[in-house]
Amino acid sequence: MSTELARRAADGDRSPDVARWLAEGMRRHLAGAELDRALGLDRASRLRERNAALRDAAALLTGDDGPWRCACRLEGAIKRYESRIAPLLERGQALPLSPIDEALRRAFDTGQRVPTTARNLFELIR
């Protein structure tokens, strides 16, 4: 959630959620925490956020055929997102995202490498 709030703040969003995140992060920073950790943007926090976003996407793709097939569907969704959706978003094109694409955008926004093989995704979601 922190990378999502950081992206929104960078885009000029001044909503109560963003303001609260900034204020709480600055309080933690002034109390002695490193800035990235205070804002929840340190590597460990971003990995947790990426994993949560991938699990959210997997939950949307879950069927009655088990976690391996879900991991295979998630692999396909990630490839589609990387090849079709991400380039449009990078060019600044505003487009409505499906819940799966929204979860994948959150995962990629963390800046951490996103697993792209069914085997690695299976290990993450099982």
N, C-alpha and C. Protein backbone atom coordinates (compact mmCIF):
# COMPACT_ATOMS: atom_id res chain seq x y z
N MET A 1 0.82 -1.20 0.00
CA MET A 1 0.00 0.00 0.00
C MET A 1 0.86 1.25 0.00
N SER A 2 2.05 1.19 0.58
CA SER A 2 2.91 2.37 0.65
C SER A 2 3.35 2.84 -0.72
N THR A 3 3.68 1.89 -1.62
CA THR A 3 4.09 2.33 -2.95
C THR A 3 2.91 2.93 -3.71
N GLU A 4 1.72 2.41 -3.48
CA GLU A 4 0.53 2.99 -4.09
C GLU A 4 0.32 4.42 -3.59
N LEU A 5 0.47 4.63 -2.29
CA LEU A 5 0.31 5.97 -1.72
C LEU A 5 1.42 6.90 -2.20
N ALA A 6 2.63 6.39 -2.34
CA ALA A 6 3.74 7.21 -2.85
C ALA A 6 3.46 7.62 -4.29
N ARG A 7 2.96 6.68 -5.11
CA ARG A 7 2.63 7.00 -6.51
C ARG A 7 1.54 8.06 -6.56
N ARG A 8 0.53 7.90 -5.71
CA ARG A 8 -0.55 8.88 -5.70
C ARG A 8 -0.05 10.25 -5.26
N ALA A 9 0.83 10.29 -4.25
CA ALA A 9 1.39 11.56 -3.79
C ALA A 9 2.20 12.22 -4.91
N ALA A 10 2.98 11.43 -5.63
CA ALA A 10 3.78 11.96 -6.73
C ALA A 10 2.90 12.50 -7.86
N ASP A 11 1.70 11.92 -8.01
CA ASP A 11 0.77 12.39 -9.03
C ASP A 11 -0.04 13.61 -8.58
N GLY A 12 0.24 14.09 -7.37
CA GLY A 12 -0.45 15.29 -6.89
C GLY A 12 -1.68 15.03 -6.05
N ASP A 13 -1.94 13.78 -5.72
CA ASP A 13 -3.10 13.43 -4.90
C ASP A 13 -2.88 13.95 -3.48
N ARG A 14 -3.82 14.73 -2.98
CA ARG A 14 -3.74 15.26 -1.62
C ARG A 14 -4.91 14.79 -0.78
N SER A 15 -5.36 13.59 -1.06
CA SER A 15 -6.51 13.03 -0.33
C SER A 15 -6.13 12.74 1.12
N PRO A 16 -7.12 12.54 1.99
CA PRO A 16 -6.83 12.25 3.40
C PRO A 16 -5.95 11.01 3.59
N ASP A 17 -6.13 9.98 2.76
CA ASP A 17 -5.29 8.77 2.89
C ASP A 17 -3.82 9.09 2.67
N VAL A 18 -3.54 9.84 1.62
CA VAL A 18 -2.16 10.19 1.29
C VAL A 18 -1.58 11.10 2.37
N ALA A 19 -2.34 12.08 2.80
CA ALA A 19 -1.87 13.00 3.84
C ALA A 19 -1.59 12.26 5.15
N ARG A 20 -2.45 11.33 5.51
CA ARG A 20 -2.26 10.55 6.73
C ARG A 20 -1.00 9.69 6.63
N TRP A 21 -0.78 9.05 5.47
CA TRP A 21 0.41 8.23 5.27
C TRP A 21 1.68 9.08 5.40
N LEU A 22 1.68 10.25 4.77
CA LEU A 22 2.84 11.14 4.86
C LEU A 22 3.07 11.61 6.29
N ALA A 23 2.00 12.02 6.97
CA ALA A 23 2.14 12.51 8.34
C ALA A 23 2.65 11.41 9.28
N GLU A 24 2.10 10.21 9.18
CA GLU A 24 2.56 9.12 10.04
C GLU A 24 4.00 8.74 9.73
N GLY A 25 4.36 8.72 8.45
CA GLY A 25 5.73 8.43 8.07
C GLY A 25 6.71 9.47 8.59
N MET A 26 6.33 10.73 8.52
CA MET A 26 7.22 11.79 9.01
C MET A 26 7.36 11.72 10.53
N ARG A 27 6.28 11.36 11.24
CA ARG A 27 6.38 11.18 12.70
C ARG A 27 7.36 10.07 13.04
N ARG A 28 7.27 8.94 12.33
CA ARG A 28 8.21 7.84 12.57
C ARG A 28 9.63 8.25 12.21
N HIS A 29 9.79 9.01 11.15
CA HIS A 29 11.13 9.47 10.74
C HIS A 29 11.72 10.41 11.79
N LEU A 30 10.91 11.34 12.27
CA LEU A 30 11.39 12.27 13.29
C LEU A 30 11.68 11.57 14.61
N ALA A 31 11.06 10.41 14.82
CA ALA A 31 11.32 9.63 16.03
C ALA A 31 12.58 8.77 15.88
N GLY A 32 13.22 8.82 14.71
CA GLY A 32 14.48 8.13 14.55
C GLY A 32 14.54 7.06 13.48
N ALA A 33 13.44 6.73 12.84
CA ALA A 33 13.45 5.70 11.81
C ALA A 33 14.04 6.27 10.51
N GLU A 34 14.72 5.41 9.77
CA GLU A 34 15.20 5.81 8.44
C GLU A 34 13.99 6.19 7.60
N LEU A 35 14.16 7.14 6.69
CA LEU A 35 13.03 7.65 5.93
C LEU A 35 12.31 6.57 5.13
N ASP A 36 13.07 5.72 4.42
CA ASP A 36 12.41 4.69 3.62
C ASP A 36 11.62 3.71 4.50
N ARG A 37 12.17 3.37 5.63
CA ARG A 37 11.48 2.47 6.56
C ARG A 37 10.27 3.17 7.18
N ALA A 38 10.41 4.43 7.53
CA ALA A 38 9.32 5.19 8.14
C ALA A 38 8.12 5.28 7.20
N LEU A 39 8.39 5.39 5.90
CA LEU A 39 7.32 5.49 4.91
C LEU A 39 6.87 4.13 4.40
N GLY A 40 7.51 3.06 4.87
CA GLY A 40 7.15 1.73 4.40
C GLY A 40 7.66 1.45 3.00
N LEU A 41 8.75 2.11 2.62
CA LEU A 41 9.29 1.95 1.28
C LEU A 41 10.64 1.22 1.26
N ASP A 42 11.02 0.64 2.39
CA ASP A 42 12.26 -0.14 2.43
C ASP A 42 12.03 -1.45 1.66
N ARG A 43 13.10 -2.14 1.34
CA ARG A 43 13.03 -3.33 0.49
C ARG A 43 12.11 -4.39 1.08
N ALA A 44 12.23 -4.67 2.36
CA ALA A 44 11.41 -5.71 2.99
C ALA A 44 9.92 -5.35 2.90
N SER A 45 9.59 -4.10 3.13
CA SER A 45 8.19 -3.67 3.05
C SER A 45 7.67 -3.79 1.62
N ARG A 46 8.51 -3.40 0.65
CA ARG A 46 8.08 -3.48 -0.75
C ARG A 46 7.92 -4.93 -1.20
N LEU A 47 8.77 -5.84 -0.69
CA LEU A 47 8.60 -7.27 -1.02
C LEU A 47 7.30 -7.81 -0.44
N ARG A 48 6.99 -7.44 0.80
CA ARG A 48 5.72 -7.87 1.40
C ARG A 48 4.54 -7.33 0.59
N GLU A 49 4.66 -6.09 0.18
CA GLU A 49 3.59 -5.47 -0.60
C GLU A 49 3.44 -6.16 -1.96
N ARG A 50 4.55 -6.46 -2.62
CA ARG A 50 4.51 -7.16 -3.90
C ARG A 50 3.84 -8.52 -3.74
N ASN A 51 4.26 -9.26 -2.71
CA ASN A 51 3.71 -10.60 -2.49
C ASN A 51 2.21 -10.54 -2.19
N ALA A 52 1.79 -9.57 -1.41
CA ALA A 52 0.36 -9.41 -1.11
C ALA A 52 -0.43 -9.11 -2.38
N ALA A 53 0.12 -8.25 -3.24
CA ALA A 53 -0.57 -7.91 -4.49
C ALA A 53 -0.67 -9.14 -5.40
N LEU A 54 0.39 -9.95 -5.46
CA LEU A 54 0.34 -11.16 -6.28
C LEU A 54 -0.65 -12.18 -5.70
N ARG A 55 -0.73 -12.26 -4.40
CA ARG A 55 -1.71 -13.16 -3.78
C ARG A 55 -3.14 -12.67 -4.06
N ASP A 56 -3.32 -11.34 -4.06
CA ASP A 56 -4.63 -10.78 -4.41
C ASP A 56 -5.01 -11.15 -5.84
N ALA A 57 -4.06 -11.03 -6.76
CA ALA A 57 -4.31 -11.40 -8.16
C ALA A 57 -4.62 -12.90 -8.26
N ALA A 58 -3.87 -13.70 -7.53
CA ALA A 58 -4.09 -15.16 -7.56
C ALA A 58 -5.48 -15.51 -7.02
N ALA A 59 -5.91 -14.80 -5.99
CA ALA A 59 -7.24 -15.06 -5.42
C ALA A 59 -8.33 -14.81 -6.45
N LEU A 60 -8.11 -13.86 -7.33
CA LEU A 60 -9.08 -13.56 -8.38
C LEU A 60 -9.07 -14.62 -9.48
N LEU A 61 -7.98 -15.37 -9.58
CA LEU A 61 -7.84 -16.38 -10.63
C LEU A 61 -8.03 -17.80 -10.14
N THR A 62 -8.30 -17.95 -8.85
CA THR A 62 -8.44 -19.28 -8.26
C THR A 62 -9.64 -20.00 -8.83
N GLY A 63 -9.41 -21.25 -9.18
CA GLY A 63 -10.49 -22.11 -9.65
C GLY A 63 -10.58 -23.34 -8.78
N ASP A 64 -11.31 -24.30 -9.25
CA ASP A 64 -11.46 -25.56 -8.51
C ASP A 64 -10.35 -26.55 -8.81
N ASP A 65 -9.36 -26.13 -9.61
CA ASP A 65 -8.34 -27.06 -10.07
C ASP A 65 -7.00 -26.93 -9.36
N GLY A 66 -6.95 -26.23 -8.24
CA GLY A 66 -5.76 -26.21 -7.41
C GLY A 66 -4.79 -25.07 -7.68
N PRO A 67 -3.81 -24.95 -6.78
CA PRO A 67 -2.88 -23.82 -6.85
C PRO A 67 -1.93 -23.86 -8.06
N TRP A 68 -1.59 -25.04 -8.56
CA TRP A 68 -0.69 -25.08 -9.71
C TRP A 68 -1.35 -24.45 -10.94
N ARG A 69 -2.60 -24.79 -11.21
CA ARG A 69 -3.30 -24.21 -12.36
C ARG A 69 -3.50 -22.70 -12.15
N CYS A 70 -3.73 -22.30 -10.91
CA CYS A 70 -3.85 -20.87 -10.60
C CYS A 70 -2.54 -20.17 -10.92
N ALA A 71 -1.42 -20.77 -10.55
CA ALA A 71 -0.10 -20.19 -10.83
C ALA A 71 0.11 -20.08 -12.34
N CYS A 72 -0.35 -21.06 -13.09
CA CYS A 72 -0.23 -21.00 -14.55
C CYS A 72 -1.08 -19.86 -15.12
N ARG A 73 -2.30 -19.69 -14.60
CA ARG A 73 -3.14 -18.57 -15.05
C ARG A 73 -2.51 -17.23 -14.67
N LEU A 74 -1.92 -17.17 -13.47
CA LEU A 74 -1.27 -15.93 -13.03
C LEU A 74 -0.07 -15.62 -13.91
N GLU A 75 0.68 -16.64 -14.30
CA GLU A 75 1.81 -16.44 -15.21
C GLU A 75 1.32 -15.80 -16.52
N GLY A 76 0.24 -16.30 -17.06
CA GLY A 76 -0.33 -15.74 -18.29
C GLY A 76 -0.80 -14.30 -18.09
N ALA A 77 -1.42 -14.04 -16.95
CA ALA A 77 -1.90 -12.68 -16.68
C ALA A 77 -0.74 -11.70 -16.56
N ILE A 78 0.36 -12.14 -15.94
CA ILE A 78 1.54 -11.28 -15.81
C ILE A 78 2.14 -10.99 -17.17
N LYS A 79 2.26 -12.00 -18.01
CA LYS A 79 2.82 -11.79 -19.36
C LYS A 79 1.95 -10.83 -20.16
N ARG A 80 0.63 -10.99 -20.06
CA ARG A 80 -0.28 -10.09 -20.77
C ARG A 80 -0.14 -8.66 -20.23
N TYR A 81 -0.06 -8.53 -18.91
CA TYR A 81 0.09 -7.21 -18.30
C TYR A 81 1.38 -6.55 -18.78
N GLU A 82 2.48 -7.29 -18.74
CA GLU A 82 3.78 -6.73 -19.15
C GLU A 82 3.79 -6.32 -20.62
N SER A 83 3.15 -7.10 -21.47
CA SER A 83 3.23 -6.82 -22.90
C SER A 83 2.18 -5.83 -23.39
N ARG A 84 1.02 -5.78 -22.74
CA ARG A 84 -0.07 -4.94 -23.25
C ARG A 84 -0.43 -3.75 -22.36
N ILE A 85 -0.56 -4.00 -21.07
CA ILE A 85 -1.07 -2.97 -20.16
C ILE A 85 0.03 -2.03 -19.70
N ALA A 86 1.15 -2.58 -19.23
CA ALA A 86 2.24 -1.76 -18.69
C ALA A 86 2.75 -0.72 -19.69
N PRO A 87 2.95 -1.07 -20.97
CA PRO A 87 3.42 -0.04 -21.91
C PRO A 87 2.45 1.13 -22.04
N LEU A 88 1.16 0.85 -22.00
CA LEU A 88 0.17 1.93 -22.08
C LEU A 88 0.23 2.82 -20.85
N LEU A 89 0.36 2.21 -19.67
CA LEU A 89 0.45 2.98 -18.44
C LEU A 89 1.73 3.81 -18.40
N GLU A 90 2.82 3.26 -18.90
CA GLU A 90 4.09 3.99 -18.92
C GLU A 90 4.02 5.22 -19.82
N ARG A 91 3.21 5.14 -20.87
CA ARG A 91 3.04 6.30 -21.76
C ARG A 91 2.05 7.31 -21.20
N GLY A 92 1.52 7.02 -20.02
CA GLY A 92 0.61 7.95 -19.36
C GLY A 92 -0.83 7.84 -19.81
N GLN A 93 -1.14 6.78 -20.52
CA GLN A 93 -2.51 6.60 -20.98
C GLN A 93 -3.39 6.16 -19.82
N ALA A 94 -4.44 6.88 -19.58
CA ALA A 94 -5.39 6.52 -18.52
C ALA A 94 -6.36 5.49 -19.08
N LEU A 95 -6.42 4.35 -18.42
CA LEU A 95 -7.36 3.34 -18.85
C LEU A 95 -7.89 2.59 -17.65
N PRO A 96 -9.13 2.15 -17.76
CA PRO A 96 -9.71 1.41 -16.63
C PRO A 96 -9.03 0.05 -16.53
N LEU A 97 -8.67 -0.33 -15.30
CA LEU A 97 -7.99 -1.60 -15.10
C LEU A 97 -8.95 -2.60 -14.45
N SER A 98 -8.85 -3.83 -14.90
CA SER A 98 -9.62 -4.90 -14.26
C SER A 98 -9.02 -5.13 -12.87
N PRO A 99 -9.74 -5.78 -11.98
CA PRO A 99 -9.18 -6.05 -10.65
C PRO A 99 -7.84 -6.81 -10.71
N ILE A 100 -7.71 -7.74 -11.64
CA ILE A 100 -6.45 -8.48 -11.77
C ILE A 100 -5.33 -7.55 -12.21
N ASP A 101 -5.60 -6.72 -13.21
CA ASP A 101 -4.58 -5.78 -13.68
C ASP A 101 -4.23 -4.75 -12.61
N GLU A 102 -5.20 -4.36 -11.81
CA GLU A 102 -4.94 -3.42 -10.71
C GLU A 102 -4.00 -4.07 -9.69
N ALA A 103 -4.24 -5.33 -9.36
CA ALA A 103 -3.36 -6.04 -8.42
C ALA A 103 -1.96 -6.19 -9.00
N LEU A 104 -1.86 -6.49 -10.29
CA LEU A 104 -0.55 -6.62 -10.93
C LEU A 104 0.16 -5.28 -11.00
N ARG A 105 -0.57 -4.21 -11.25
CA ARG A 105 0.05 -2.88 -11.25
C ARG A 105 0.64 -2.59 -9.87
N ARG A 106 -0.09 -2.93 -8.82
CA ARG A 106 0.44 -2.74 -7.46
C ARG A 106 1.71 -3.54 -7.25
N ALA A 107 1.74 -4.76 -7.76
CA ALA A 107 2.94 -5.60 -7.62
C ALA A 107 4.13 -4.98 -8.35
N PHE A 108 3.91 -4.53 -9.59
CA PHE A 108 5.00 -3.95 -10.37
C PHE A 108 5.42 -2.59 -9.83
N ASP A 109 4.49 -1.84 -9.27
CA ASP A 109 4.81 -0.52 -8.72
C ASP A 109 5.77 -0.57 -7.54
N THR A 110 5.91 -1.73 -6.92
CA THR A 110 6.82 -1.84 -5.78
C THR A 110 8.27 -1.68 -6.20
N GLY A 111 8.55 -1.88 -7.49
CA GLY A 111 9.93 -1.78 -7.96
C GLY A 111 10.74 -3.04 -7.70
N GLN A 112 10.11 -4.04 -7.14
CA GLN A 112 10.78 -5.32 -6.89
C GLN A 112 10.50 -6.24 -8.07
N ARG A 113 11.45 -7.13 -8.34
CA ARG A 113 11.28 -8.07 -9.45
C ARG A 113 10.04 -8.93 -9.19
N VAL A 114 9.19 -9.02 -10.18
CA VAL A 114 7.98 -9.82 -10.07
C VAL A 114 8.25 -11.18 -10.70
N PRO A 115 8.02 -12.26 -9.94
CA PRO A 115 8.22 -13.60 -10.52
C PRO A 115 7.32 -13.78 -11.74
N THR A 116 7.85 -14.41 -12.77
CA THR A 116 7.06 -14.55 -14.00
C THR A 116 6.86 -15.99 -14.43
N THR A 117 7.40 -16.94 -13.68
CA THR A 117 7.20 -18.34 -14.05
C THR A 117 6.19 -18.97 -13.10
N ALA A 118 5.45 -19.93 -13.63
CA ALA A 118 4.44 -20.61 -12.83
C ALA A 118 5.08 -21.26 -11.60
N ARG A 119 6.27 -21.79 -11.76
CA ARG A 119 6.94 -22.46 -10.64
C ARG A 119 7.19 -21.48 -9.48
N ASN A 120 7.76 -20.31 -9.79
CA ASN A 120 8.02 -19.32 -8.74
C ASN A 120 6.73 -18.74 -8.17
N LEU A 121 5.74 -18.55 -9.00
CA LEU A 121 4.45 -18.03 -8.54
C LEU A 121 3.76 -19.05 -7.64
N PHE A 122 3.87 -20.33 -8.01
CA PHE A 122 3.29 -21.39 -7.19
C PHE A 122 3.88 -21.36 -5.78
N GLU A 123 5.20 -21.20 -5.69
CA GLU A 123 5.85 -21.15 -4.38
C GLU A 123 5.33 -19.98 -3.55
N LEU A 124 4.98 -18.91 -4.21
CA LEU A 124 4.52 -17.71 -3.52
C LEU A 124 3.06 -17.82 -3.06
N ILE A 125 2.21 -18.44 -3.88
CA ILE A 125 0.77 -18.41 -3.59
C ILE A 125 0.25 -19.66 -2.89
N ARG A 126 1.00 -20.73 -2.85
CA ARG A 126 0.44 -21.97 -2.27
C ARG A 126 0.27 -21.88 -0.79
